[in-house]
Amino acid sequence: MTESRIILASASPRRIEIFRDHGVFPEVIPSGIDETLPFTMDPYDTTMYLSLKKAFDVSKTVPDSTTVVAADTVVYDPPSAPGADGEIMGKPQDENDAFRMLMSLRGRTHQVITGVCLICPEKHIKRCFYDITYVTFCDYPEEEIRDYLKTPEAYDKAGAYAIQETFGKYAVDVRGSELNVIGFPWEKYCKITEIMP
């Protein structure tokens, strides 16, 4: 897909950096939507629903010839036992919430899911998709998590960690796109956009 202008509906420095690292310099117009879900959704629909809301919100304020790209990332901690519920983790509310998340993820495999939506009104393009990366953490010591949470690294990331920063040392296996864990599934985005007009 060849576009004269791409707008990234996100203020995430990690998403911006991923685009720029691949030679794409989008205009950044963050969305200010209410991220409350209208009803309970699975984690895959959750990310696509929120990215679609973000893309529509920003597309109303820009020319129809532009392509708006929006994304939403969550960490999904699957059920630990039959009959239990899994948890969709966004950004932690505070230190206690971050500690709870990281202790839940300790020694287990979880999913990082990023939903992406692209809107180009002039070409009638509306495409939503998601990508999944499976991340396994080692059984890290509780006291190290307490020390980690004294740094600012955890507090603006889904699941309370950044795999590309110091917490990456606890990841013993990553199956799928690491860029997806950082915040944007660049590889899948490229495959999708190659088949679009």
Protein backbone atom coordinates (compact mmCIF):
# COMPACT_ATOMS: atom_id res chain seq x y z
CA MET A 1 0.00 0.00 0.00
CA THR A 2 1.47 3.34 -1.02
CA GLU A 3 0.25 6.32 0.98
CA SER A 4 1.25 9.97 0.72
CA ARG A 5 0.46 10.56 4.38
CA ILE A 6 0.19 8.19 7.34
CA ILE A 7 -1.20 9.31 10.67
CA LEU A 8 -0.39 7.29 13.77
CA ALA A 9 -3.24 7.61 16.28
CA SER A 10 -0.95 6.98 19.23
CA ALA A 11 1.42 8.94 21.44
CA SER A 12 3.32 5.77 22.38
CA PRO A 13 7.03 6.53 21.96
CA ARG A 14 7.63 2.83 21.32
CA ARG A 15 5.19 2.70 18.38
CA ILE A 16 6.58 5.93 16.95
CA GLU A 17 10.10 4.54 17.22
CA ILE A 18 9.14 1.28 15.47
CA PHE A 19 7.75 3.22 12.50
CA ARG A 20 10.76 5.51 12.31
CA ASP A 21 13.22 2.63 12.64
CA HIS A 22 11.65 1.21 9.47
CA GLY A 23 11.89 4.45 7.52
CA VAL A 24 8.29 5.59 8.01
CA PHE A 25 7.74 8.97 9.65
CA PRO A 26 4.04 9.30 10.42
CA GLU A 27 2.28 12.36 11.69
CA VAL A 28 1.28 11.64 15.28
CA ILE A 29 -2.26 12.54 16.37
CA PRO A 30 -3.19 10.66 19.56
CA SER A 31 -6.78 9.67 20.16
CA GLY A 32 -8.51 10.68 23.37
CA ILE A 33 -11.25 8.04 23.35
CA ASP A 34 -12.86 6.53 26.40
CA GLU A 35 -11.43 3.00 26.49
CA THR A 36 -14.35 1.53 28.42
CA LEU A 37 -15.73 -1.59 26.74
CA PRO A 38 -19.49 -1.70 26.06
CA PHE A 39 -19.56 -5.34 27.16
CA THR A 40 -17.13 -8.12 28.05
CA MET A 41 -14.93 -9.16 25.12
CA ASP A 42 -12.15 -11.65 24.67
CA PRO A 43 -8.65 -10.13 24.54
CA TYR A 44 -8.44 -10.37 20.74
CA ASP A 45 -11.69 -8.50 20.12
CA THR A 46 -10.78 -6.05 22.88
CA THR A 47 -7.64 -4.87 21.10
CA MET A 48 -9.34 -4.61 17.71
CA TYR A 49 -12.37 -2.80 19.15
CA LEU A 50 -10.21 -0.22 20.91
CA SER A 51 -7.91 0.29 17.92
CA LEU A 52 -10.96 0.75 15.69
CA LYS A 53 -12.39 3.37 18.09
CA LYS A 54 -9.05 5.20 18.10
CA ALA A 55 -8.77 5.11 14.31
CA PHE A 56 -12.33 6.38 13.78
CA ASP A 57 -11.83 9.13 16.35
CA VAL A 58 -8.75 10.51 14.60
CA SER A 59 -10.04 9.91 11.04
CA LYS A 60 -12.86 12.40 11.68
CA THR A 61 -10.34 15.23 12.04
CA VAL A 62 -8.02 14.60 9.07
CA PRO A 63 -8.34 14.67 5.26
CA ASP A 64 -9.92 11.62 3.60
CA SER A 65 -6.75 11.02 1.58
CA THR A 66 -4.77 10.06 4.68
CA THR A 67 -4.40 6.63 6.24
CA VAL A 68 -4.95 6.47 9.97
CA VAL A 69 -3.21 3.65 11.84
CA ALA A 70 -4.25 2.88 15.41
CA ALA A 71 -3.18 0.12 17.80
CA ASP A 72 -3.93 -1.26 21.23
CA THR A 73 -1.81 -3.75 23.18
CA VAL A 74 -2.79 -5.95 26.12
CA VAL A 75 -1.18 -8.78 28.03
CA TYR A 76 -3.41 -11.83 28.44
CA ASP A 77 -2.68 -14.04 31.40
CA PRO A 78 -4.49 -17.32 30.61
CA PRO A 79 -6.36 -19.31 33.27
CA SER A 80 -4.04 -21.09 35.67
CA ALA A 81 -6.52 -23.91 36.27
CA PRO A 82 -9.54 -25.45 34.51
CA GLY A 83 -12.64 -23.36 35.09
CA ALA A 84 -10.67 -20.29 36.17
CA ASP A 85 -10.79 -16.98 34.33
CA GLY A 86 -7.90 -15.47 32.46
CA GLU A 87 -7.02 -11.79 32.92
CA ILE A 88 -6.64 -9.05 30.34
CA MET A 89 -3.89 -6.77 31.64
CA GLY A 90 -3.53 -3.19 30.54
CA LYS A 91 -1.30 -0.61 32.17
CA PRO A 92 -1.04 -0.94 35.97
CA GLN A 93 -2.92 1.55 38.10
CA ASP A 94 -0.23 1.78 40.75
CA GLU A 95 2.71 -0.10 42.30
CA ASN A 96 0.51 -2.68 44.00
CA ASP A 97 -1.30 -3.42 40.76
CA ALA A 98 2.00 -3.74 38.89
CA PHE A 99 3.34 -6.11 41.55
CA ARG A 100 0.21 -8.25 41.34
CA MET A 101 0.53 -8.48 37.54
CA LEU A 102 4.19 -9.43 37.53
CA MET A 103 3.76 -12.03 40.24
CA SER A 104 0.90 -13.56 38.26
CA LEU A 105 3.09 -13.77 35.14
CA ARG A 106 6.09 -15.24 37.02
CA GLY A 107 7.20 -18.66 35.79
CA ARG A 108 4.39 -18.90 33.21
CA THR A 109 3.62 -18.27 29.56
CA HIS A 110 1.31 -15.41 28.64
CA GLN A 111 0.13 -13.78 25.43
CA VAL A 112 0.84 -10.26 24.24
CA ILE A 113 -1.88 -9.20 21.82
CA THR A 114 -1.84 -6.07 19.70
CA GLY A 115 -4.87 -5.08 17.67
CA VAL A 116 -4.36 -2.74 14.71
CA CYS A 117 -6.88 -0.81 12.64
CA LEU A 118 -6.26 1.08 9.39
CA ILE A 119 -8.74 3.57 7.95
CA CYS A 120 -8.46 5.45 4.66
CA PRO A 121 -11.89 6.96 3.85
CA GLU A 122 -10.94 8.04 0.32
CA LYS A 123 -10.14 4.45 -0.66
CA HIS A 124 -12.85 2.91 1.53
CA ILE A 125 -10.20 0.88 3.34
CA LYS A 126 -11.07 -0.30 6.82
CA ARG A 127 -8.97 -3.20 8.04
CA CYS A 128 -8.57 -4.55 11.55
CA PHE A 129 -6.33 -7.43 12.63
CA TYR A 130 -4.36 -8.62 15.63
CA ASP A 131 -1.11 -10.41 16.30
CA ILE A 132 -0.14 -12.67 19.21
CA THR A 133 3.27 -13.25 20.77
CA TYR A 134 3.79 -15.88 23.47
CA VAL A 135 6.19 -14.82 26.21
CA THR A 136 7.49 -17.09 28.97
CA PHE A 137 9.06 -15.64 32.11
CA CYS A 138 11.38 -17.39 34.51
CA ASP A 139 10.55 -17.76 38.20
CA TYR A 140 12.07 -14.44 39.22
CA PRO A 141 12.62 -13.49 42.89
CA GLU A 142 9.99 -11.35 44.58
CA GLU A 143 12.56 -8.94 45.97
CA GLU A 144 13.85 -8.19 42.45
CA ILE A 145 10.32 -7.26 41.39
CA ARG A 146 10.07 -4.89 44.37
CA ASP A 147 13.30 -3.23 43.24
CA TYR A 148 12.12 -3.09 39.62
CA LEU A 149 8.92 -1.33 40.62
CA LYS A 150 10.94 1.48 42.18
CA THR A 151 11.89 2.49 38.63
CA PRO A 152 9.45 4.20 36.19
CA GLU A 153 9.81 1.46 33.57
CA ALA A 154 6.72 -0.58 34.48
CA TYR A 155 4.01 2.01 34.76
CA ASP A 156 3.03 2.90 31.21
CA LYS A 157 3.17 -0.60 29.73
CA ALA A 158 0.57 -3.35 29.44
CA GLY A 159 1.38 -6.09 31.93
CA ALA A 160 3.75 -3.77 33.82
CA TYR A 161 6.92 -4.63 31.92
CA ALA A 162 9.00 -3.65 28.90
CA ILE A 163 10.69 -6.58 27.20
CA GLN A 164 13.10 -4.27 25.36
CA GLU A 165 14.33 -2.77 28.62
CA THR A 166 15.73 -4.27 31.82
CA PHE A 167 12.84 -6.68 32.39
CA GLY A 168 13.73 -8.51 29.20
CA LYS A 169 16.30 -10.55 31.12
CA TYR A 170 13.45 -12.53 32.69
CA ALA A 171 12.00 -13.64 29.34
CA VAL A 172 13.23 -17.18 28.72
CA ASP A 173 11.19 -17.74 25.55
CA VAL A 174 9.51 -15.43 23.02
CA ARG A 175 7.45 -17.05 20.27
CA GLY A 176 6.34 -14.57 17.66
CA SER A 177 7.13 -10.94 16.96
CA GLU A 178 9.13 -9.16 19.63
CA LEU A 179 8.06 -5.85 18.07
CA ASN A 180 4.49 -6.88 18.84
CA VAL A 181 5.45 -7.13 22.52
CA ILE A 182 7.04 -3.70 22.35
CA GLY A 183 3.80 -2.29 20.96
CA PHE A 184 3.30 -2.77 17.23
CA PRO A 185 3.33 -5.92 15.03
CA TRP A 186 5.37 -4.43 12.22
CA GLU A 187 5.87 -7.69 10.34
CA LYS A 188 2.15 -8.48 10.13
CA TYR A 189 1.33 -4.86 9.35
CA CYS A 190 3.64 -5.01 6.34
CA LYS A 191 2.05 -8.24 5.08
CA ILE A 192 -1.44 -6.76 5.43
CA THR A 193 -0.60 -3.47 3.75
CA GLU A 194 1.16 -5.19 0.84
CA ILE A 195 -2.16 -6.70 -0.30
CA MET A 196 -4.14 -3.49 0.13
CA PRO A 197 -4.62 -1.04 -2.78
